[in-house]
Amino acid sequence: MIKAILIDDEAHCLDTLSILLHEYCPDVQIIARCRSGNEGLQAIKKSKPDLIFLDIEMPGMNGFELLEQFTEIPFAIIFTTSYDQYAIKAIRFSALDYLLKPVDPNELTGAIKKVREQRHLPIAEQFQMLLKQIQNKDHQFNKIAVPTVEGFELIPADEVIRCEADDNYTHLFLKNKSKITACRTLKEMEEQLRDFPFFIRVHHSYLVNLNEVTKYIRGEGGYLVMSDGSTVNVSRSRKEELLKRF
């Protein structure tokens, strides 16, 4: 059973999330529902939850300010937010989970599945990265947090040559000839990297850094030769978009 605290200043959002959790995630036990950041902070200290659902925008103490009260965060977090492009971008780059309001049941069950299966809680550096990005909106994102079975690795996005799907995992091949296996699907990695314009999905199994392409060989879909000497197939359906990007 996952013990969860819900923190949101809007009562109807708490009600909706409670209903969805009861219906779709029976292994989540709601141990507290809080209408403010201060109330949430006290509930966390008292109840020691496994997971919190944290609204970002709240009067008084918002979700990010609540997190700043902790030197270590011993619980999983799923942010809940209305569309805020910058906040979502910061959360995505930090490899943390979020749900857009109104919450979709499929996205909710997917987020809970990640919490259930994760072997490590988020590390302090992820939150430092997140808070730095939120506090300084002119800061240019250059690193991403990559979740692995051991924890997380923080790497510059432009060091990634290509990403290759492996079922529910993704292999990232870097310029230093190392390989990182992320506990994320390729679709999730694509989402995390989509704000870097030099990445493009060229096949259902491949995402590439266009700056690291050295050659394109024509064919039905063709294939790419990358800077590390590897070759990457291009699917016929994605060929036109790739050529436009070139």
C-alpha atoms as a PDB file:
ATOM      1  CA  MET A   1       0.000   0.000   0.000  1.00  0.00           C
ATOM      2  CA  ILE A   2       1.273   3.459  -0.955  1.00  0.00           C
ATOM      3  CA  LYS A   3       0.533   6.112   1.679  1.00  0.00           C
ATOM      4  CA  ALA A   4      -0.246   9.400  -0.071  1.00  0.00           C
ATOM      5  CA  ILE A   5      -0.925  13.006   0.869  1.00  0.00           C
ATOM      6  CA  LEU A   6      -2.856  15.281  -1.495  1.00  0.00           C
ATOM      7  CA  ILE A   7      -1.977  18.998  -1.394  1.00  0.00           C
ATOM      8  CA  ASP A   8      -4.075  21.460  -3.402  1.00  0.00           C
ATOM      9  CA  ASP A   9      -5.795  24.711  -2.462  1.00  0.00           C
ATOM     10  CA  GLU A  10      -8.829  23.888  -4.648  1.00  0.00           C
ATOM     11  CA  ALA A  11     -11.341  21.579  -2.966  1.00  0.00           C
ATOM     12  CA  HIS A  12     -12.804  20.281  -6.236  1.00  0.00           C
ATOM     13  CA  CYS A  13      -9.314  19.222  -7.391  1.00  0.00           C
ATOM     14  CA  LEU A  14      -8.807  17.280  -4.160  1.00  0.00           C
ATOM     15  CA  ASP A  15     -12.225  15.662  -4.599  1.00  0.00           C
ATOM     16  CA  THR A  16     -11.564  14.694  -8.218  1.00  0.00           C
ATOM     17  CA  LEU A  17      -8.125  13.240  -7.495  1.00  0.00           C
ATOM     18  CA  SER A  18      -9.474  11.322  -4.501  1.00  0.00           C
ATOM     19  CA  ILE A  19     -12.217   9.756  -6.621  1.00  0.00           C
ATOM     20  CA  LEU A  20      -9.781   8.814  -9.398  1.00  0.00           C
ATOM     21  CA  LEU A  21      -7.330   7.253  -6.954  1.00  0.00           C
ATOM     22  CA  HIS A  22     -10.093   5.272  -5.279  1.00  0.00           C
ATOM     23  CA  GLU A  23     -11.380   4.001  -8.630  1.00  0.00           C
ATOM     24  CA  TYR A  24      -8.166   3.398 -10.557  1.00  0.00           C
ATOM     25  CA  CYS A  25      -5.417   3.046  -7.928  1.00  0.00           C
ATOM     26  CA  PRO A  26      -6.784   0.980  -5.027  1.00  0.00           C
ATOM     27  CA  ASP A  27      -3.285   0.378  -3.648  1.00  0.00           C
ATOM     28  CA  VAL A  28      -2.954   4.119  -2.868  1.00  0.00           C
ATOM     29  CA  GLN A  29      -4.142   5.032   0.623  1.00  0.00           C
ATOM     30  CA  ILE A  30      -4.936   8.724   1.080  1.00  0.00           C
ATOM     31  CA  ILE A  31      -3.765   9.597   4.585  1.00  0.00           C
ATOM     32  CA  ALA A  32      -4.302  13.372   4.376  1.00  0.00           C
ATOM     33  CA  ARG A  33      -5.896  16.033   2.160  1.00  0.00           C
ATOM     34  CA  CYS A  34      -4.433  19.514   2.572  1.00  0.00           C
ATOM     35  CA  ARG A  35      -5.675  22.891   1.307  1.00  0.00           C
ATOM     36  CA  SER A  36      -2.399  24.845   1.665  1.00  0.00           C
ATOM     37  CA  GLY A  37       1.343  24.452   1.558  1.00  0.00           C
ATOM     38  CA  ASN A  38       1.664  25.048   5.298  1.00  0.00           C
ATOM     39  CA  GLU A  39      -0.997  22.451   6.068  1.00  0.00           C
ATOM     40  CA  GLY A  40       0.723  20.028   3.707  1.00  0.00           C
ATOM     41  CA  LEU A  41       4.097  20.620   5.345  1.00  0.00           C
ATOM     42  CA  GLN A  42       2.709  19.760   8.779  1.00  0.00           C
ATOM     43  CA  ALA A  43       0.954  16.648   7.444  1.00  0.00           C
ATOM     44  CA  ILE A  44       4.157  15.428   5.796  1.00  0.00           C
ATOM     45  CA  LYS A  45       6.173  15.852   9.001  1.00  0.00           C
ATOM     46  CA  LYS A  46       3.488  14.098  11.032  1.00  0.00           C
ATOM     47  CA  SER A  47       2.524  11.215   8.720  1.00  0.00           C
ATOM     48  CA  LYS A  48       5.719  10.459   6.735  1.00  0.00           C
ATOM     49  CA  PRO A  49       4.020   9.595   3.411  1.00  0.00           C
ATOM     50  CA  ASP A  50       5.432   7.461   0.609  1.00  0.00           C
ATOM     51  CA  LEU A  51       4.039   9.857  -1.984  1.00  0.00           C
ATOM     52  CA  ILE A  52       2.652  13.371  -2.222  1.00  0.00           C
ATOM     53  CA  PHE A  53       0.523  14.873  -4.966  1.00  0.00           C
ATOM     54  CA  LEU A  54       1.620  18.488  -4.940  1.00  0.00           C
ATOM     55  CA  ASP A  55      -0.139  21.406  -6.607  1.00  0.00           C
ATOM     56  CA  ILE A  56       2.357  23.944  -7.919  1.00  0.00           C
ATOM     57  CA  GLU A  57       0.337  27.150  -7.735  1.00  0.00           C
ATOM     58  CA  MET A  58      -1.049  27.823  -4.254  1.00  0.00           C
ATOM     59  CA  PRO A  59      -1.405  31.093  -2.333  1.00  0.00           C
ATOM     60  CA  GLY A  60       0.939  31.632   0.580  1.00  0.00           C
ATOM     61  CA  MET A  61       3.383  28.768   0.132  1.00  0.00           C
ATOM     62  CA  ASN A  62       3.436  27.230  -3.336  1.00  0.00           C
ATOM     63  CA  GLY A  63       4.558  23.715  -4.148  1.00  0.00           C
ATOM     64  CA  PHE A  64       8.165  24.633  -4.904  1.00  0.00           C
ATOM     65  CA  GLU A  65       8.465  26.696  -1.723  1.00  0.00           C
ATOM     66  CA  LEU A  66       7.158  23.716   0.244  1.00  0.00           C
ATOM     67  CA  LEU A  67       9.945  21.540  -1.150  1.00  0.00           C
ATOM     68  CA  GLU A  68      12.532  24.131  -0.165  1.00  0.00           C
ATOM     69  CA  GLN A  69      11.684  23.371   3.478  1.00  0.00           C
ATOM     70  CA  PHE A  70      13.376  19.963   3.179  1.00  0.00           C
ATOM     71  CA  THR A  71      17.109  19.284   3.018  1.00  0.00           C
ATOM     72  CA  GLU A  72      16.285  15.709   1.987  1.00  0.00           C
ATOM     73  CA  ILE A  73      13.017  14.536   0.461  1.00  0.00           C
ATOM     74  CA  PRO A  74      12.146  11.006   1.640  1.00  0.00           C
ATOM     75  CA  PHE A  75       9.008  10.608  -0.462  1.00  0.00           C
ATOM     76  CA  ALA A  76       8.019  10.397  -4.112  1.00  0.00           C
ATOM     77  CA  ILE A  77       6.371  13.432  -5.704  1.00  0.00           C
ATOM     78  CA  ILE A  78       3.827  13.830  -8.465  1.00  0.00           C
ATOM     79  CA  PHE A  79       3.205  17.481  -9.283  1.00  0.00           C
ATOM     80  CA  THR A  80      -0.285  18.501 -10.311  1.00  0.00           C
ATOM     81  CA  THR A  81      -0.718  21.671 -12.325  1.00  0.00           C
ATOM     82  CA  SER A  82      -2.763  23.541 -14.849  1.00  0.00           C
ATOM     83  CA  TYR A  83      -0.785  24.250 -17.977  1.00  0.00           C
ATOM     84  CA  ASP A  84       2.319  26.275 -17.120  1.00  0.00           C
ATOM     85  CA  GLN A  85       4.821  25.870 -19.906  1.00  0.00           C
ATOM     86  CA  TYR A  86       7.866  26.970 -17.955  1.00  0.00           C
ATOM     87  CA  ALA A  87       7.123  24.955 -14.800  1.00  0.00           C
ATOM     88  CA  ILE A  88       6.368  21.849 -16.855  1.00  0.00           C
ATOM     89  CA  LYS A  89       9.596  22.278 -18.794  1.00  0.00           C
ATOM     90  CA  ALA A  90      11.571  22.522 -15.542  1.00  0.00           C
ATOM     91  CA  ILE A  91       9.863  19.443 -14.098  1.00  0.00           C
ATOM     92  CA  ARG A  92      10.458  17.484 -17.285  1.00  0.00           C
ATOM     93  CA  PHE A  93      14.152  18.368 -17.435  1.00  0.00           C
ATOM     94  CA  SER A  94      14.527  17.221 -13.833  1.00  0.00           C
ATOM     95  CA  ALA A  95      12.957  13.826 -14.691  1.00  0.00           C
ATOM     96  CA  LEU A  96      10.198  14.332 -12.134  1.00  0.00           C
ATOM     97  CA  ASP A  97       6.578  13.392 -12.729  1.00  0.00           C
ATOM     98  CA  TYR A  98       3.618  15.708 -13.202  1.00  0.00           C
ATOM     99  CA  LEU A  99      -0.063  15.478 -14.072  1.00  0.00           C
ATOM    100  CA  LEU A 100      -1.944  18.153 -15.964  1.00  0.00           C
ATOM    101  CA  LYS A 101      -5.331  19.208 -14.645  1.00  0.00           C
ATOM    102  CA  PRO A 102      -7.917  17.936 -15.272  1.00  0.00           C
ATOM    103  CA  VAL A 103      -6.176  14.685 -14.408  1.00  0.00           C
ATOM    104  CA  ASP A 104      -6.488  11.914 -16.980  1.00  0.00           C
ATOM    105  CA  PRO A 105      -7.044   8.431 -15.440  1.00  0.00           C
ATOM    106  CA  ASN A 106      -4.551   6.771 -17.786  1.00  0.00           C
ATOM    107  CA  GLU A 107      -1.849   9.309 -16.968  1.00  0.00           C
ATOM    108  CA  LEU A 108      -2.616   8.889 -13.272  1.00  0.00           C
ATOM    109  CA  THR A 109      -2.256   5.112 -13.355  1.00  0.00           C
ATOM    110  CA  GLY A 110       0.953   5.486 -15.377  1.00  0.00           C
ATOM    111  CA  ALA A 111       2.423   7.870 -12.803  1.00  0.00           C
ATOM    112  CA  ILE A 112       1.484   5.547  -9.934  1.00  0.00           C
ATOM    113  CA  LYS A 113       3.051   2.631 -11.800  1.00  0.00           C
ATOM    114  CA  LYS A 114       6.345   4.545 -11.930  1.00  0.00           C
ATOM    115  CA  VAL A 115       6.171   5.242  -8.195  1.00  0.00           C
ATOM    116  CA  ARG A 116       5.419   1.594  -7.506  1.00  0.00           C
ATOM    117  CA  GLU A 117       8.330   0.366  -9.602  1.00  0.00           C
ATOM    118  CA  GLN A 118      11.002   2.932  -8.793  1.00  0.00           C
ATOM    119  CA  ARG A 119      13.912   1.596  -6.779  1.00  0.00           C
ATOM    120  CA  HIS A 120      15.228   4.954  -5.627  1.00  0.00           C
ATOM    121  CA  LEU A 121      13.642   8.178  -4.502  1.00  0.00           C
ATOM    122  CA  PRO A 122      14.536  11.350  -6.393  1.00  0.00           C
ATOM    123  CA  ILE A 123      17.942  12.749  -5.446  1.00  0.00           C
ATOM    124  CA  ALA A 124      18.665  16.200  -4.002  1.00  0.00           C
ATOM    125  CA  GLU A 125      20.366  17.340  -7.209  1.00  0.00           C
ATOM    126  CA  GLN A 126      17.120  16.902  -9.141  1.00  0.00           C
ATOM    127  CA  PHE A 127      15.306  19.299  -6.847  1.00  0.00           C
ATOM    128  CA  GLN A 128      18.227  21.722  -6.849  1.00  0.00           C
ATOM    129  CA  MET A 129      18.087  21.677 -10.647  1.00  0.00           C
ATOM    130  CA  LEU A 130      14.321  22.174 -10.598  1.00  0.00           C
ATOM    131  CA  LEU A 131      14.380  25.040  -8.093  1.00  0.00           C
ATOM    132  CA  LYS A 132      17.252  26.786  -9.870  1.00  0.00           C
ATOM    133  CA  GLN A 133      15.322  26.666 -13.113  1.00  0.00           C
ATOM    134  CA  ILE A 134      12.132  27.944 -11.499  1.00  0.00           C
ATOM    135  CA  GLN A 135      13.912  30.789  -9.674  1.00  0.00           C
ATOM    136  CA  ASN A 136      15.852  31.913 -12.746  1.00  0.00           C
ATOM    137  CA  LYS A 137      13.654  31.785 -15.812  1.00  0.00           C
ATOM    138  CA  ASP A 138      16.466  33.150 -17.972  1.00  0.00           C
ATOM    139  CA  HIS A 139      18.592  30.139 -17.094  1.00  0.00           C
ATOM    140  CA  GLN A 140      19.244  28.008 -20.145  1.00  0.00           C
ATOM    141  CA  PHE A 141      18.568  24.342 -19.586  1.00  0.00           C
ATOM    142  CA  ASN A 142      21.588  22.324 -20.601  1.00  0.00           C
ATOM    143  CA  LYS A 143      21.480  19.223 -18.413  1.00  0.00           C
ATOM    144  CA  ILE A 144      18.836  16.572 -18.018  1.00  0.00           C
ATOM    145  CA  ALA A 145      18.294  14.107 -15.184  1.00  0.00           C
ATOM    146  CA  VAL A 146      18.320  10.539 -16.476  1.00  0.00           C
ATOM    147  CA  PRO A 147      16.732   7.957 -14.140  1.00  0.00           C
ATOM    148  CA  THR A 148      18.627   4.652 -13.979  1.00  0.00           C
ATOM    149  CA  VAL A 149      18.314   1.492 -11.891  1.00  0.00           C
ATOM    150  CA  GLU A 150      21.034   2.900  -9.583  1.00  0.00           C
ATOM    151  CA  GLY A 151      19.429   6.329  -9.205  1.00  0.00           C
ATOM    152  CA  PHE A 152      19.889   9.298 -11.536  1.00  0.00           C
ATOM    153  CA  GLU A 153      22.616  10.733 -13.735  1.00  0.00           C
ATOM    154  CA  LEU A 154      22.800  14.386 -14.670  1.00  0.00           C
ATOM    155  CA  ILE A 155      24.193  14.834 -18.170  1.00  0.00           C
ATOM    156  CA  PRO A 156      24.437  17.689 -20.695  1.00  0.00           C
ATOM    157  CA  ALA A 157      21.815  17.076 -23.370  1.00  0.00           C
ATOM    158  CA  ASP A 158      24.230  17.870 -26.191  1.00  0.00           C
ATOM    159  CA  GLU A 159      26.474  15.000 -25.063  1.00  0.00           C
ATOM    160  CA  VAL A 160      23.820  12.520 -26.229  1.00  0.00           C
ATOM    161  CA  ILE A 161      24.460  11.181 -29.735  1.00  0.00           C
ATOM    162  CA  ARG A 162      21.411   8.943 -30.008  1.00  0.00           C
ATOM    163  CA  CYS A 163      18.750   7.168 -27.964  1.00  0.00           C
ATOM    164  CA  GLU A 164      17.660   3.614 -28.688  1.00  0.00           C
ATOM    165  CA  ALA A 165      14.488   1.948 -27.404  1.00  0.00           C
ATOM    166  CA  ASP A 166      14.667  -1.310 -25.474  1.00  0.00           C
ATOM    167  CA  ASP A 167      11.122  -2.158 -24.382  1.00  0.00           C
ATOM    168  CA  ASN A 168      10.458  -0.011 -21.270  1.00  0.00           C
ATOM    169  CA  TYR A 169      14.060   1.220 -21.172  1.00  0.00           C
ATOM    170  CA  THR A 170      16.118   3.517 -23.378  1.00  0.00           C
ATOM    171  CA  HIS A 171      19.848   3.335 -24.086  1.00  0.00           C
ATOM    172  CA  LEU A 172      21.589   6.706 -24.368  1.00  0.00           C
ATOM    173  CA  PHE A 173      24.864   6.696 -26.298  1.00  0.00           C
ATOM    174  CA  LEU A 174      27.169   9.577 -25.370  1.00  0.00           C
ATOM    175  CA  LYS A 175      30.071  11.380 -27.039  1.00  0.00           C
ATOM    176  CA  ASN A 176      32.514   9.950 -24.486  1.00  0.00           C
ATOM    177  CA  LYS A 177      31.605   6.481 -25.825  1.00  0.00           C
ATOM    178  CA  SER A 178      29.715   5.527 -22.665  1.00  0.00           C
ATOM    179  CA  LYS A 179      26.161   4.205 -22.562  1.00  0.00           C
ATOM    180  CA  ILE A 180      23.483   4.985 -20.010  1.00  0.00           C
ATOM    181  CA  THR A 181      20.353   2.876 -19.686  1.00  0.00           C
ATOM    182  CA  ALA A 182      17.405   5.019 -18.631  1.00  0.00           C
ATOM    183  CA  CYS A 183      14.371   3.612 -16.833  1.00  0.00           C
ATOM    184  CA  ARG A 184      12.176   5.461 -19.296  1.00  0.00           C
ATOM    185  CA  THR A 185      10.535   4.540 -22.577  1.00  0.00           C
ATOM    186  CA  LEU A 186      11.800   6.234 -25.713  1.00  0.00           C
ATOM    187  CA  LYS A 187       8.567   8.208 -25.852  1.00  0.00           C
ATOM    188  CA  GLU A 188       9.261   9.572 -22.371  1.00  0.00           C
ATOM    189  CA  MET A 189      12.847  10.450 -23.300  1.00  0.00           C
ATOM    190  CA  GLU A 190      11.548  12.185 -26.428  1.00  0.00           C
ATOM    191  CA  GLU A 191       9.218  14.225 -24.234  1.00  0.00           C
ATOM    192  CA  GLN A 192      12.069  15.133 -21.888  1.00  0.00           C
ATOM    193  CA  LEU A 193      14.296  16.216 -24.795  1.00  0.00           C
ATOM    194  CA  ARG A 194      11.719  17.896 -26.985  1.00  0.00           C
ATOM    195  CA  ASP A 195      12.768  21.416 -25.929  1.00  0.00           C
ATOM    196  CA  PHE A 196      16.199  20.812 -27.436  1.00  0.00           C
ATOM    197  CA  PRO A 197      15.601  21.517 -31.143  1.00  0.00           C
ATOM    198  CA  PHE A 198      18.495  19.348 -32.275  1.00  0.00           C
ATOM    199  CA  PHE A 199      16.759  16.083 -31.280  1.00  0.00           C
ATOM    200  CA  ILE A 200      14.394  14.314 -33.661  1.00  0.00           C
ATOM    201  CA  ARG A 201      12.602  10.961 -33.658  1.00  0.00           C
ATOM    202  CA  VAL A 202      13.565   9.179 -36.884  1.00  0.00           C
ATOM    203  CA  HIS A 203      12.195   5.700 -36.169  1.00  0.00           C
ATOM    204  CA  HIS A 204       9.947   4.027 -33.595  1.00  0.00           C
ATOM    205  CA  SER A 205      13.175   2.781 -31.969  1.00  0.00           C
ATOM    206  CA  TYR A 206      15.504   5.762 -32.442  1.00  0.00           C
ATOM    207  CA  LEU A 207      15.877   9.381 -31.390  1.00  0.00           C
ATOM    208  CA  VAL A 208      18.965  11.224 -32.667  1.00  0.00           C
ATOM    209  CA  ASN A 209      20.947  14.400 -32.101  1.00  0.00           C
ATOM    210  CA  LEU A 210      21.026  16.107 -35.522  1.00  0.00           C
ATOM    211  CA  ASN A 211      24.319  17.790 -34.635  1.00  0.00           C
ATOM    212  CA  GLU A 212      25.912  14.333 -34.476  1.00  0.00           C
ATOM    213  CA  VAL A 213      24.702  13.141 -37.901  1.00  0.00           C
ATOM    214  CA  THR A 214      27.604  12.841 -40.361  1.00  0.00           C
ATOM    215  CA  LYS A 215      25.820  11.283 -43.336  1.00  0.00           C
ATOM    216  CA  TYR A 216      22.368  10.366 -44.663  1.00  0.00           C
ATOM    217  CA  ILE A 217      22.122   7.380 -47.009  1.00  0.00           C
ATOM    218  CA  ARG A 218      19.043   7.399 -49.195  1.00  0.00           C
ATOM    219  CA  GLY A 219      16.691   4.442 -49.438  1.00  0.00           C
ATOM    220  CA  GLU A 220      13.042   3.610 -48.779  1.00  0.00           C
ATOM    221  CA  GLY A 221      13.537   5.299 -45.476  1.00  0.00           C
ATOM    222  CA  GLY A 222      17.296   5.439 -45.595  1.00  0.00           C
ATOM    223  CA  TYR A 223      19.649   5.488 -42.667  1.00  0.00           C
ATOM    224  CA  LEU A 224      21.934   7.876 -40.806  1.00  0.00           C
ATOM    225  CA  VAL A 225      25.600   7.547 -39.971  1.00  0.00           C
ATOM    226  CA  MET A 226      26.340   9.106 -36.598  1.00  0.00           C
ATOM    227  CA  SER A 227      29.535  10.703 -35.266  1.00  0.00           C
ATOM    228  CA  ASP A 228      30.397   7.559 -33.277  1.00  0.00           C
ATOM    229  CA  GLY A 229      30.239   5.449 -36.456  1.00  0.00           C
ATOM    230  CA  SER A 230      26.899   3.855 -35.603  1.00  0.00           C
ATOM    231  CA  THR A 231      24.055   3.642 -38.123  1.00  0.00           C
ATOM    232  CA  VAL A 232      20.425   4.468 -37.412  1.00  0.00           C
ATOM    233  CA  ASN A 233      17.527   3.404 -39.608  1.00  0.00           C
ATOM    234  CA  VAL A 234      15.032   6.051 -40.707  1.00  0.00           C
ATOM    235  CA  SER A 235      11.425   4.930 -41.039  1.00  0.00           C
ATOM    236  CA  ARG A 236       9.614   5.800 -44.246  1.00  0.00           C
ATOM    237  CA  SER A 237       6.943   7.724 -42.340  1.00  0.00           C
ATOM    238  CA  ARG A 238       9.543   9.973 -40.678  1.00  0.00           C
ATOM    239  CA  LYS A 239      11.812  10.526 -43.661  1.00  0.00           C
ATOM    240  CA  GLU A 240      10.067  13.678 -44.929  1.00  0.00           C
ATOM    241  CA  GLU A 241      10.251  15.414 -41.541  1.00  0.00           C
ATOM    242  CA  LEU A 242      13.919  14.507 -41.208  1.00  0.00           C
ATOM    243  CA  LEU A 243      14.761  15.947 -44.623  1.00  0.00           C
ATOM    244  CA  LYS A 244      12.884  19.150 -43.768  1.00  0.00           C
ATOM    245  CA  ARG A 245      14.984  19.492 -40.623  1.00  0.00           C
ATOM    246  CA  PHE A 246      18.146  19.096 -42.670  1.00  0.00           C
END
